Amino acid sequence: MSRNQQIYAWLLLLPALSLLAAFTHIPMITTFWRSFTSSGMQNNTGFTWENYRYLYEDDVFWQVLSNSLWYAAITVPVSMFLALGMALWVNSKIHGKSILRLAYFTPTILPMISVANIWLFFYTPEIGLFNELLSWFGHHGYNWLGDPDLSLYSLMLMTIWKEAGFFMIFYLAALQTISPDLYQAASIEGASRWTNLRRITLPLLMPTTLFVLVNAFLNAFKLVDHLFILTKGGPNNASNLLLYYIYENAFSFFDTAYAAVLTVVLLILLIALAALQFGVIERRVHYR
């Protein structure tokens, strides 16, 4: 590549690099530095380790971190498994599959605030849909969002309902790129449907699976709006998640320094997940 071509290439990249630096890298560096300043917005007295010491002693943080990891550990695999199952079903030769695809995808096109309000109605103790269904069997129902043992799982159920349809679209698109010749050749060899799934479908879906996995983990750690409508992290932080705890400290308690510490923790967590996904799992992915 000649020198002029290199200059031309850098000029084309310059707008994107400028936006990336302005809205990603510089805020990241600023947040990291802010995490080493004193607590609050006004009493900035310089470099200190106090915020990290407070983080270590903050019981709410450890509960929120546990909630976030547990939330991701359940919602990500379940959403992906359901998405794959739905995609395989609506990609088969069945009647009305266009309606099924639309039905599965509908939760995705709804605004998040609307989704939260719909599920708030489902979970309402007195008039909610779930307790109404349970009353048909003589059960008094539950306080889905007010019970510390149920609130986080109630959020998980809503997330799985919304995310599975979204991920199904990616799996469905990937399934339609697999050549039918492969299945015909396997059929001549007498391969069963399970063998087709294990030897042809799943390996060829691995690039899509990696893409979905990355997005699923990102979505699991950036949930805020649903929490704001449904539980506000309660009761007693039983449904509080890491990003919502950052929001609380930054905009409710106005402790931006401690919010910066929590943001650094979230960044480290996401970097570790990205390293695992692209450093380990991607090596097992075969691109065509």
Protein backbone atom coordinates (compact mmCIF):
# COMPACT_ATOMS: atom_id res chain seq x y z
CA MET A 1 0.00 0.00 0.00
CA SER A 2 1.44 3.36 -1.02
CA ARG A 3 1.81 6.29 1.38
CA ASN A 4 -1.08 8.17 -0.26
CA GLN A 5 -3.32 5.14 0.09
CA GLN A 6 -2.42 4.87 3.79
CA ILE A 7 -3.25 8.55 4.33
CA TYR A 8 -6.53 8.10 2.45
CA ALA A 9 -7.40 5.06 4.59
CA TRP A 10 -6.68 6.93 7.85
CA LEU A 11 -8.79 9.88 6.67
CA LEU A 12 -11.71 7.51 6.05
CA LEU A 13 -11.27 6.02 9.50
CA LEU A 14 -10.86 9.37 11.25
CA PRO A 15 -14.60 10.17 11.83
CA ALA A 16 -15.27 6.74 13.32
CA LEU A 17 -12.10 6.85 15.44
CA SER A 18 -13.00 10.34 16.71
CA LEU A 19 -16.47 9.23 17.79
CA LEU A 20 -15.06 6.06 19.36
CA ALA A 21 -12.54 8.07 21.35
CA ALA A 22 -15.04 10.77 22.36
CA PHE A 23 -17.82 8.47 23.53
CA THR A 24 -15.94 5.32 24.62
CA HIS A 25 -12.24 5.62 25.37
CA ILE A 26 -12.08 9.09 26.94
CA PRO A 27 -15.13 8.47 29.20
CA MET A 28 -13.58 5.14 30.20
CA ILE A 29 -10.30 6.77 31.22
CA THR A 30 -12.15 9.57 33.01
CA THR A 31 -14.29 7.07 34.91
CA PHE A 32 -11.20 5.10 35.94
CA TRP A 33 -9.56 8.27 37.28
CA ARG A 34 -12.78 9.38 38.99
CA SER A 35 -12.90 6.09 40.87
CA PHE A 36 -9.71 7.15 42.72
CA THR A 37 -11.10 10.46 43.90
CA SER A 38 -12.93 11.19 47.14
CA SER A 39 -16.62 10.38 47.57
CA GLY A 40 -19.40 12.71 46.51
CA MET A 41 -19.49 15.41 43.84
CA GLN A 42 -18.18 18.38 45.81
CA ASN A 43 -15.49 17.10 48.17
CA ASN A 44 -12.84 16.13 45.66
CA THR A 45 -9.63 16.08 47.71
CA GLY A 46 -7.41 14.06 45.38
CA PHE A 47 -6.19 10.52 44.93
CA THR A 48 -7.49 7.93 47.39
CA TRP A 49 -8.11 4.21 47.77
CA GLU A 50 -11.09 4.77 50.07
CA ASN A 51 -13.69 4.08 47.39
CA TYR A 52 -12.26 0.61 46.71
CA ARG A 53 -12.00 -0.11 50.43
CA TYR A 54 -15.64 0.88 50.81
CA LEU A 55 -16.51 -1.35 47.84
CA TYR A 56 -14.92 -4.33 49.57
CA GLU A 57 -16.89 -3.65 52.74
CA ASP A 58 -20.18 -2.85 50.97
CA ASP A 59 -22.57 -5.75 51.58
CA VAL A 60 -25.07 -4.35 49.09
CA PHE A 61 -22.45 -4.49 46.34
CA TRP A 62 -21.74 -8.19 46.94
CA GLN A 63 -25.45 -8.93 46.94
CA VAL A 64 -25.93 -6.94 43.71
CA LEU A 65 -22.94 -8.67 42.09
CA SER A 66 -24.32 -12.07 43.07
CA ASN A 67 -27.73 -11.11 41.67
CA SER A 68 -26.15 -9.98 38.37
CA LEU A 69 -24.09 -13.14 37.91
CA TRP A 70 -27.02 -15.37 38.83
CA TYR A 71 -29.28 -13.38 36.51
CA ALA A 72 -26.86 -13.78 33.57
CA ALA A 73 -26.15 -17.45 34.35
CA ILE A 74 -29.85 -18.31 34.01
CA THR A 75 -31.25 -15.90 31.42
CA VAL A 76 -28.47 -16.29 28.83
CA PRO A 77 -28.49 -20.09 28.34
CA VAL A 78 -32.27 -20.41 28.70
CA SER A 79 -32.91 -17.60 26.19
CA MET A 80 -30.47 -19.11 23.70
CA PHE A 81 -31.85 -22.62 24.08
CA LEU A 82 -35.43 -21.42 23.56
CA ALA A 83 -34.37 -19.25 20.62
CA LEU A 84 -32.68 -22.19 18.92
CA GLY A 85 -35.69 -24.44 19.55
CA MET A 86 -38.13 -21.88 18.19
CA ALA A 87 -35.94 -21.22 15.14
CA LEU A 88 -35.72 -24.94 14.34
CA TRP A 89 -39.49 -25.24 14.70
CA VAL A 90 -40.50 -22.28 12.54
CA ASN A 91 -37.88 -23.27 9.96
CA SER A 92 -39.47 -26.72 9.52
CA LYS A 93 -42.26 -27.58 7.11
CA ILE A 94 -45.29 -26.60 9.20
CA HIS A 95 -48.44 -24.65 8.41
CA GLY A 96 -48.72 -21.07 9.62
CA LYS A 97 -45.02 -20.65 10.31
CA SER A 98 -45.14 -16.98 9.21
CA ILE A 99 -47.65 -16.28 11.99
CA LEU A 100 -45.48 -18.19 14.47
CA ARG A 101 -42.41 -16.20 13.50
CA LEU A 102 -44.32 -12.95 13.98
CA ALA A 103 -45.69 -14.13 17.33
CA TYR A 104 -42.24 -15.03 18.62
CA PHE A 105 -40.70 -11.80 17.38
CA THR A 106 -43.45 -9.48 18.68
CA PRO A 107 -41.95 -9.07 22.21
CA THR A 108 -38.77 -7.74 20.63
CA ILE A 109 -40.41 -4.85 18.78
CA LEU A 110 -42.21 -3.60 21.89
CA PRO A 111 -40.56 -0.69 23.75
CA MET A 112 -38.88 -1.82 26.97
CA ILE A 113 -41.03 0.46 29.12
CA SER A 114 -44.17 -1.04 27.56
CA VAL A 115 -42.89 -4.55 28.21
CA ALA A 116 -42.25 -3.67 31.85
CA ASN A 117 -45.75 -2.23 32.24
CA ILE A 118 -47.34 -5.31 30.64
CA TRP A 119 -45.49 -7.60 33.04
CA LEU A 120 -46.26 -5.30 35.94
CA PHE A 121 -49.91 -6.06 35.23
CA PHE A 122 -49.15 -9.79 35.04
CA TYR A 123 -47.42 -9.72 38.44
CA THR A 124 -49.88 -7.49 40.34
CA PRO A 125 -51.02 -9.53 43.39
CA GLU A 126 -54.71 -8.62 43.40
CA ILE A 127 -55.62 -8.40 39.72
CA GLY A 128 -52.57 -9.88 37.98
CA LEU A 129 -52.84 -12.52 35.29
CA PHE A 130 -50.64 -15.10 37.02
CA ASN A 131 -52.49 -15.00 40.34
CA GLU A 132 -55.79 -15.11 38.46
CA LEU A 133 -54.68 -18.32 36.73
CA LEU A 134 -53.53 -19.78 40.05
CA SER A 135 -56.90 -18.95 41.62
CA TRP A 136 -58.55 -21.37 39.18
CA PHE A 137 -56.71 -24.14 41.04
CA GLY A 138 -57.60 -22.79 44.49
CA HIS A 139 -54.20 -21.14 45.10
CA HIS A 140 -54.04 -17.71 46.74
CA GLY A 141 -51.15 -16.62 44.51
CA TYR A 142 -47.86 -14.90 45.24
CA ASN A 143 -46.51 -11.40 45.64
CA TRP A 144 -44.25 -11.91 42.63
CA LEU A 145 -42.32 -8.65 42.82
CA GLY A 146 -42.65 -8.05 46.57
CA ASP A 147 -41.28 -11.40 47.74
CA PRO A 148 -37.45 -11.38 48.06
CA ASP A 149 -37.36 -15.05 47.04
CA LEU A 150 -39.35 -14.44 43.83
CA SER A 151 -38.57 -10.94 42.60
CA LEU A 152 -35.31 -11.75 40.79
CA TYR A 153 -36.79 -14.87 39.16
CA SER A 154 -39.79 -12.81 38.05
CA LEU A 155 -37.40 -10.45 36.26
CA MET A 156 -35.62 -13.42 34.70
CA LEU A 157 -38.89 -14.78 33.31
CA MET A 158 -39.72 -11.44 31.66
CA THR A 159 -36.21 -11.16 30.19
CA ILE A 160 -36.30 -14.67 28.76
CA TRP A 161 -39.71 -13.96 27.18
CA LYS A 162 -38.31 -10.86 25.47
CA GLU A 163 -34.82 -12.07 24.55
CA ALA A 164 -35.69 -15.49 23.13
CA GLY A 165 -37.70 -14.04 20.25
CA PHE A 166 -34.92 -11.58 19.43
CA PHE A 167 -32.24 -14.26 19.30
CA MET A 168 -34.55 -16.55 17.30
CA ILE A 169 -34.29 -14.18 14.32
CA PHE A 170 -30.51 -14.65 14.14
CA TYR A 171 -30.76 -18.43 14.39
CA LEU A 172 -33.54 -18.48 11.79
CA ALA A 173 -31.45 -16.43 9.35
CA ALA A 174 -28.46 -18.72 9.91
CA LEU A 175 -30.55 -21.87 9.41
CA GLN A 176 -31.73 -20.63 6.04
CA THR A 177 -28.12 -20.29 4.82
CA ILE A 178 -27.37 -24.00 5.39
CA SER A 179 -27.41 -25.83 2.08
CA PRO A 180 -30.16 -28.52 1.78
CA ASP A 181 -27.61 -30.64 -0.10
CA LEU A 182 -25.91 -31.41 3.20
CA TYR A 183 -29.10 -32.86 4.65
CA GLN A 184 -29.83 -34.79 1.45
CA ALA A 185 -26.36 -36.32 1.52
CA ALA A 186 -26.81 -37.22 5.20
CA SER A 187 -30.21 -38.75 4.41
CA ILE A 188 -28.63 -41.01 1.75
CA GLU A 189 -26.17 -42.16 4.42
CA GLY A 190 -29.08 -42.99 6.71
CA ALA A 191 -28.41 -40.28 9.28
CA SER A 192 -31.14 -39.65 11.85
CA ARG A 193 -32.59 -36.23 12.67
CA TRP A 194 -30.54 -36.13 15.87
CA THR A 195 -27.37 -36.86 13.89
CA ASN A 196 -28.24 -34.10 11.43
CA LEU A 197 -28.69 -31.68 14.30
CA ARG A 198 -25.49 -32.69 16.06
CA ARG A 199 -23.22 -33.12 13.03
CA ILE A 200 -24.53 -30.50 10.58
CA THR A 201 -26.85 -27.91 12.10
CA LEU A 202 -25.15 -27.08 15.39
CA PRO A 203 -21.57 -26.88 14.02
CA LEU A 204 -22.68 -24.60 11.18
CA LEU A 205 -24.57 -22.43 13.67
CA MET A 206 -21.53 -21.87 15.89
CA PRO A 207 -20.65 -18.40 14.46
CA THR A 208 -24.24 -17.30 15.10
CA THR A 209 -24.16 -18.88 18.56
CA LEU A 210 -21.04 -16.90 19.44
CA PHE A 211 -22.64 -13.68 18.21
CA VAL A 212 -25.82 -14.37 20.18
CA LEU A 213 -23.80 -15.30 23.27
CA VAL A 214 -21.92 -11.98 23.24
CA ASN A 215 -25.13 -9.98 22.83
CA ALA A 216 -26.96 -12.03 25.46
CA PHE A 217 -24.31 -11.31 28.10
CA LEU A 218 -24.24 -7.61 27.21
CA ASN A 219 -28.02 -7.42 27.53
CA ALA A 220 -27.90 -9.26 30.85
CA PHE A 221 -25.59 -6.65 32.37
CA LYS A 222 -27.31 -3.53 31.02
CA LEU A 223 -30.81 -3.96 32.38
CA VAL A 224 -32.03 -0.75 33.99
CA ASP A 225 -35.39 0.36 32.59
CA HIS A 226 -37.28 -2.80 33.55
CA LEU A 227 -35.96 -2.57 37.09
CA PHE A 228 -36.95 1.07 37.30
CA ILE A 229 -40.57 0.22 36.43
CA LEU A 230 -40.98 -3.12 38.22
CA THR A 231 -39.03 -3.27 41.48
CA LYS A 232 -36.47 -0.44 41.74
CA GLY A 233 -34.08 -3.10 42.96
CA GLY A 234 -36.29 -4.17 45.85
CA PRO A 235 -37.39 -5.66 48.08
CA ASN A 236 -34.26 -5.17 50.20
CA ASN A 237 -32.03 -5.27 47.07
CA ALA A 238 -33.20 -8.79 46.24
CA SER A 239 -33.65 -7.85 42.57
CA ASN A 240 -31.02 -5.13 42.34
CA LEU A 241 -28.52 -5.51 39.49
CA LEU A 242 -25.13 -3.94 38.93
CA LEU A 243 -26.04 -1.30 36.34
CA TYR A 244 -29.07 -0.18 38.32
CA TYR A 245 -26.89 0.09 41.46
CA ILE A 246 -24.54 2.33 39.47
CA TYR A 247 -27.50 4.45 38.41
CA GLU A 248 -28.69 4.73 42.02
CA ASN A 249 -25.31 5.87 43.31
CA ALA A 250 -24.75 8.34 40.47
CA PHE A 251 -28.18 9.96 40.17
CA SER A 252 -30.07 9.19 43.40
CA PHE A 253 -27.26 9.40 45.99
CA PHE A 254 -25.07 11.74 43.84
CA ASP A 255 -21.98 9.73 44.79
CA THR A 256 -20.30 9.80 41.39
CA ALA A 257 -16.96 8.57 42.70
CA TYR A 258 -18.44 5.36 44.07
CA ALA A 259 -20.52 5.00 40.87
CA ALA A 260 -17.23 5.23 38.95
CA VAL A 261 -15.79 2.41 41.09
CA LEU A 262 -18.82 0.24 40.32
CA THR A 263 -18.47 1.10 36.62
CA VAL A 264 -14.84 -0.06 36.69
CA VAL A 265 -16.00 -3.35 38.22
CA LEU A 266 -18.60 -3.73 35.45
CA LEU A 267 -15.98 -2.99 32.78
CA ILE A 268 -13.58 -5.56 34.22
CA LEU A 269 -16.38 -8.10 34.30
CA LEU A 270 -17.33 -7.46 30.67
CA ILE A 271 -13.68 -7.52 29.55
CA ALA A 272 -13.21 -10.89 31.27
CA LEU A 273 -16.31 -12.27 29.56
CA ALA A 274 -15.18 -10.92 26.18
CA ALA A 275 -11.74 -12.50 26.65
CA LEU A 276 -13.38 -15.83 27.48
CA GLN A 277 -15.74 -15.64 24.51
CA PHE A 278 -13.24 -14.51 21.88
CA GLY A 279 -10.14 -16.14 23.35
CA VAL A 280 -11.53 -19.59 24.13
CA ILE A 281 -14.93 -20.17 22.54
CA GLU A 282 -14.10 -18.54 19.18
CA ARG A 283 -11.27 -21.05 18.67
CA ARG A 284 -13.89 -23.78 18.47
CA VAL A 285 -15.95 -21.88 15.87
CA HIS A 286 -15.54 -22.82 12.22
CA TYR A 287 -16.34 -20.08 9.75
CA ARG A 288 -17.34 -21.07 6.25
